[in-house]
């Protein structure tokens, strides 16, 4: 797939985002859960430095990119919530979006923050907010742009018409559990230190490749127009929980490496 084709797909995605139902990776509860799992696995130093620049906890800003992407000065970030992969399901420089995407902008933010002491406070805070959100987005199953796969269509979810993308963003979370984000951490964050190290290993590109490989089948599970109910929710919930947990641990890894 060429860059022009990918640009067209991104434009379709932006139009979809501007419809009556705005789809945001994980929704507020999911992003809060990712950030709180990360917060509970930060070193004291990393937490202190992050909160110094943010003025709040990392949970406070977990959905900031969704809230501000249409605000003046941040419109360009609309394109940053998904990322493409190639036929082998790898993210590479060749498939990188010219308008930015979740992986390249995460890498850019991390690169800047490696020299955070040389940056002004507002630049550090903005890039921290990008990191907090984009690590979450790149673990959402519906935020992988697969070549040749139709990503944007509607289904019936619990008796209501909605986009299949939004089902994975927030529908499953809202329908499967009635947890506060603190309860998501309490229920999921139970790995041993060895298991956490294994999950945290690798780079953002490695993590995105894993998401792409393991989540490619979601489009085979539900064709356009199908009806999805409790059986689908029960089958999909473990995948959502796994991805949220991974995102939380990996966000902690990024912040600990930067600050801690």
Protein backbone atom coordinates (compact mmCIF):
# COMPACT_ATOMS: atom_id res chain seq x y z
CA UNK A 1 0.00 0.00 0.00
CA UNK A 2 1.41 3.42 -1.00
CA UNK A 3 1.50 6.60 1.06
CA UNK A 4 -1.43 8.03 -0.94
CA UNK A 5 -3.60 5.03 -0.08
CA UNK A 6 -2.70 5.34 3.57
CA UNK A 7 -3.46 9.07 3.49
CA UNK A 8 -6.92 8.31 2.10
CA UNK A 9 -7.50 5.73 4.84
CA UNK A 10 -6.48 8.27 7.47
CA UNK A 11 -8.89 10.80 5.97
CA UNK A 12 -11.69 8.24 6.21
CA UNK A 13 -10.73 7.63 9.83
CA UNK A 14 -10.86 11.35 10.63
CA UNK A 15 -14.31 11.62 9.07
CA UNK A 16 -15.42 8.66 11.13
CA UNK A 17 -14.11 10.33 14.25
CA UNK A 18 -16.12 13.43 13.43
CA UNK A 19 -19.42 11.57 13.25
CA UNK A 20 -22.14 11.49 15.90
CA UNK A 21 -20.24 8.96 18.00
CA UNK A 22 -16.60 9.93 18.55
CA UNK A 23 -14.44 6.83 18.97
CA UNK A 24 -11.41 7.24 21.22
CA UNK A 25 -8.97 4.45 22.01
CA UNK A 26 -10.11 2.73 25.22
CA UNK A 27 -12.41 5.59 26.20
CA UNK A 28 -11.84 7.49 29.43
CA UNK A 29 -12.16 4.48 31.74
CA UNK A 30 -9.69 2.41 29.76
CA UNK A 31 -7.12 5.18 29.50
CA UNK A 32 -7.49 5.93 33.21
CA UNK A 33 -6.94 2.24 33.96
CA UNK A 34 -3.79 2.13 31.80
CA UNK A 35 -2.40 5.23 33.49
CA UNK A 36 -3.23 4.03 37.00
CA UNK A 37 -1.62 0.63 36.43
CA UNK A 38 1.44 2.54 35.24
CA UNK A 39 1.34 4.89 38.22
CA UNK A 40 1.29 1.93 40.61
CA UNK A 41 4.45 0.63 38.95
CA UNK A 42 6.45 3.85 38.81
CA UNK A 43 9.54 4.44 40.84
CA UNK A 44 9.10 7.20 43.45
CA UNK A 45 11.53 9.40 41.50
CA UNK A 46 9.75 8.92 38.17
CA UNK A 47 6.38 9.68 39.73
CA UNK A 48 7.73 12.77 41.45
CA UNK A 49 9.28 14.17 38.26
CA UNK A 50 6.23 13.42 36.12
CA UNK A 51 3.91 15.08 38.60
CA UNK A 52 6.24 18.06 38.93
CA UNK A 53 5.82 18.88 35.24
CA UNK A 54 2.18 17.85 34.91
CA UNK A 55 0.94 19.42 38.10
CA UNK A 56 -1.25 16.35 38.58
CA UNK A 57 -1.04 12.58 38.47
CA UNK A 58 -0.58 10.86 35.12
CA UNK A 59 -4.16 9.55 35.42
CA UNK A 60 -5.46 13.12 35.32
CA UNK A 61 -4.09 13.54 31.79
CA UNK A 62 -4.74 10.06 30.41
CA UNK A 63 -7.44 11.26 28.00
CA UNK A 64 -6.04 14.72 27.40
CA UNK A 65 -5.21 13.99 23.76
CA UNK A 66 -8.82 12.96 23.09
CA UNK A 67 -10.16 16.02 24.87
CA UNK A 68 -7.93 18.53 23.06
CA UNK A 69 -7.45 17.13 19.58
CA UNK A 70 -9.94 19.61 18.09
CA UNK A 71 -8.68 22.56 20.14
CA UNK A 72 -6.74 25.35 18.40
CA UNK A 73 -3.11 24.40 18.07
CA UNK A 74 -3.71 20.67 18.52
CA UNK A 75 -5.78 19.81 15.45
CA UNK A 76 -2.80 18.03 13.89
CA UNK A 77 -2.83 15.45 16.69
CA UNK A 78 -6.11 14.05 15.35
CA UNK A 79 -4.04 11.80 13.10
CA UNK A 80 -1.86 10.43 15.88
CA UNK A 81 -4.18 7.89 17.52
CA UNK A 82 -3.65 4.95 15.14
CA UNK A 83 -0.68 3.57 13.22
CA UNK A 84 -0.21 1.44 10.09
CA UNK A 85 1.65 -1.82 9.65
CA UNK A 86 3.03 -3.56 6.58
CA UNK A 87 2.03 -6.96 5.20
CA UNK A 88 4.18 -8.66 7.84
CA UNK A 89 2.42 -6.62 10.53
CA UNK A 90 5.48 -4.54 11.36
CA UNK A 91 5.57 -0.81 11.81
CA UNK A 92 8.44 0.58 9.73
CA UNK A 93 9.62 3.94 8.48
CA UNK A 94 8.26 2.99 5.07
CA UNK A 95 4.66 2.81 6.30
CA UNK A 96 4.89 5.77 8.68
CA UNK A 97 2.16 8.31 8.07
CA UNK A 98 3.30 11.70 6.76
CA UNK A 99 0.81 13.33 9.14
CA UNK A 100 2.05 11.45 12.15
CA UNK A 101 0.75 8.33 13.88
CA UNK A 102 0.72 6.73 17.31
CA UNK A 103 4.08 5.00 17.01
CA UNK A 104 6.19 7.71 15.39
CA UNK A 105 4.78 10.44 17.64
CA UNK A 106 5.38 8.29 20.72
CA UNK A 107 8.97 7.79 19.59
CA UNK A 108 9.33 11.52 18.95
CA UNK A 109 7.99 12.39 22.40
CA UNK A 110 10.27 9.88 24.11
CA UNK A 111 13.23 11.21 22.14
CA UNK A 112 12.54 14.76 23.30
CA UNK A 113 11.96 13.74 26.91
CA UNK A 114 15.33 12.00 27.10
CA UNK A 115 16.71 15.54 27.36
CA UNK A 116 13.90 16.91 29.51
CA UNK A 117 16.26 18.98 31.64
CA UNK A 118 17.12 21.09 28.58
CA UNK A 119 13.46 21.72 27.67
CA UNK A 120 11.05 24.33 29.00
CA UNK A 121 8.41 23.06 31.39
CA UNK A 122 5.50 23.39 28.94
CA UNK A 123 7.30 21.29 26.31
CA UNK A 124 8.00 18.58 28.86
CA UNK A 125 4.38 18.60 30.03
CA UNK A 126 2.96 18.40 26.50
CA UNK A 127 5.18 15.50 25.50
CA UNK A 128 4.43 13.70 28.74
CA UNK A 129 0.74 13.95 27.94
CA UNK A 130 1.44 12.50 24.48
CA UNK A 131 3.35 9.56 25.95
CA UNK A 132 0.67 8.80 28.54
CA UNK A 133 -2.04 8.61 25.91
CA UNK A 134 -0.24 7.08 22.94
CA UNK A 135 1.08 4.06 24.81
CA UNK A 136 -2.54 3.29 25.60
CA UNK A 137 -3.79 3.89 22.06
CA UNK A 138 -1.18 1.67 20.42
CA UNK A 139 -2.41 -1.29 22.49
CA UNK A 140 -6.06 -0.89 21.46
CA UNK A 141 -6.94 -3.69 19.00
CA UNK A 142 -8.85 -1.37 16.66
CA UNK A 143 -6.01 1.14 16.39
CA UNK A 144 -3.91 -0.90 13.98
CA UNK A 145 -4.28 0.08 10.33
CA UNK A 146 -3.87 -3.22 8.46
CA UNK A 147 -3.23 -3.07 4.71
CA UNK A 148 -6.18 -4.27 2.66
CA UNK A 149 -8.52 -4.65 5.64
CA UNK A 150 -11.81 -2.79 5.91
CA UNK A 151 -11.67 -1.12 9.32
CA UNK A 152 -14.71 1.13 9.31
CA UNK A 153 -18.17 -0.41 9.39
CA UNK A 154 -21.16 -0.68 11.66
CA UNK A 155 -22.47 -3.56 13.73
CA UNK A 156 -25.32 -4.07 16.17
CA UNK A 157 -23.84 -4.08 19.67
CA UNK A 158 -26.23 -4.97 22.49
CA UNK A 159 -29.09 -4.06 20.20
CA UNK A 160 -27.75 -0.66 19.13
CA UNK A 161 -26.04 0.37 15.93
CA UNK A 162 -22.49 1.59 16.41
CA UNK A 163 -19.15 1.43 14.65
CA UNK A 164 -17.14 -1.72 15.20
CA UNK A 165 -14.15 0.50 15.97
CA UNK A 166 -15.99 2.06 18.90
CA UNK A 167 -16.95 -1.38 20.20
CA UNK A 168 -13.26 -2.06 20.83
CA UNK A 169 -12.52 1.46 21.98
CA UNK A 170 -15.04 1.59 24.79
CA UNK A 171 -18.05 -0.66 24.16
CA UNK A 172 -16.55 -3.86 25.53
CA UNK A 173 -15.09 -2.08 28.55
CA UNK A 174 -18.42 -0.48 29.40
CA UNK A 175 -20.43 -3.67 28.87
CA UNK A 176 -18.12 -6.20 30.50
CA UNK A 177 -17.14 -4.58 33.78
CA UNK A 178 -18.60 -1.87 35.98
CA UNK A 179 -15.25 -1.10 37.50
CA UNK A 180 -13.73 2.22 38.48
CA UNK A 181 -10.21 2.62 37.05
CA UNK A 182 -8.79 1.82 40.50
CA UNK A 183 -10.61 -1.52 40.41
CA UNK A 184 -9.14 -2.27 36.98
CA UNK A 185 -5.71 -1.95 38.53
CA UNK A 186 -6.65 -3.97 41.59
CA UNK A 187 -8.03 -6.81 39.51
CA UNK A 188 -5.44 -6.92 36.70
CA UNK A 189 -2.14 -5.81 38.23
CA UNK A 190 -1.21 -9.14 39.77
CA UNK A 191 1.84 -10.22 37.79
CA UNK A 192 5.09 -11.29 39.36
CA UNK A 193 8.21 -9.17 38.91
CA UNK A 194 9.47 -11.64 36.31
CA UNK A 195 6.20 -11.50 34.38
CA UNK A 196 6.29 -7.71 34.45
CA UNK A 197 9.84 -7.66 33.11
CA UNK A 198 8.82 -9.95 30.27
CA UNK A 199 5.88 -7.72 29.34
CA UNK A 200 7.99 -4.56 29.54
CA UNK A 201 10.78 -5.93 27.36
CA UNK A 202 11.23 -4.55 23.86
CA UNK A 203 10.52 -1.26 22.11
CA UNK A 204 7.32 0.53 21.12
CA UNK A 205 7.66 -0.96 17.65
CA UNK A 206 7.94 -4.46 19.17
CA UNK A 207 4.85 -3.80 21.28
CA UNK A 208 2.87 -2.55 18.30
CA UNK A 209 3.89 -5.58 16.24
CA UNK A 210 2.62 -7.86 19.01
CA UNK A 211 -0.68 -5.99 19.10
CA UNK A 212 -0.98 -6.22 15.32
CA UNK A 213 -0.30 -9.96 15.22
CA UNK A 214 -2.54 -10.87 18.14
CA UNK A 215 -5.45 -8.60 17.22
CA UNK A 216 -5.68 -9.06 13.46
CA UNK A 217 -8.50 -11.60 13.89
CA UNK A 218 -10.96 -9.12 15.41
CA UNK A 219 -12.21 -8.31 11.90
CA UNK A 220 -12.95 -11.96 11.24
CA UNK A 221 -14.92 -12.20 14.47
CA UNK A 222 -17.55 -9.66 13.43
CA UNK A 223 -18.40 -8.90 9.79
CA UNK A 224 -20.28 -5.71 8.86
CA UNK A 225 -23.87 -5.60 10.07
CA UNK A 226 -23.61 -8.55 12.44
CA UNK A 227 -25.23 -8.64 15.87
CA UNK A 228 -22.93 -8.74 18.87
CA UNK A 229 -24.13 -9.54 22.36
CA UNK A 230 -23.07 -11.20 25.57
CA UNK A 231 -21.25 -14.12 23.94
CA UNK A 232 -19.06 -11.70 21.99
CA UNK A 233 -18.42 -9.57 25.07
CA UNK A 234 -17.43 -12.59 27.12
CA UNK A 235 -15.03 -13.75 24.41
CA UNK A 236 -13.52 -10.30 23.82
CA UNK A 237 -13.10 -9.15 27.43
CA UNK A 238 -9.93 -11.16 28.22
CA UNK A 239 -8.21 -9.60 25.20
CA UNK A 240 -9.18 -6.10 26.32
CA UNK A 241 -7.95 -6.79 29.85
CA UNK A 242 -4.65 -8.19 28.56
CA UNK A 243 -4.01 -5.19 26.34
CA UNK A 244 -4.84 -2.67 29.07
CA UNK A 245 -2.50 -4.45 31.49
CA UNK A 246 0.33 -4.56 28.95
CA UNK A 247 -0.14 -0.88 28.15
CA UNK A 248 0.01 0.03 31.84
CA UNK A 249 3.22 -1.88 32.49
CA UNK A 250 4.83 -0.53 29.34
CA UNK A 251 3.87 3.04 30.12
CA UNK A 252 5.52 2.57 33.51
CA UNK A 253 8.62 1.23 31.76
CA UNK A 254 8.84 4.26 29.47
CA UNK A 255 8.46 6.74 32.33
CA UNK A 256 10.84 4.88 34.64
CA UNK A 257 13.47 4.80 31.89
CA UNK A 258 13.05 8.53 31.30
CA UNK A 259 12.88 9.77 34.88
CA UNK A 260 13.61 7.07 37.28
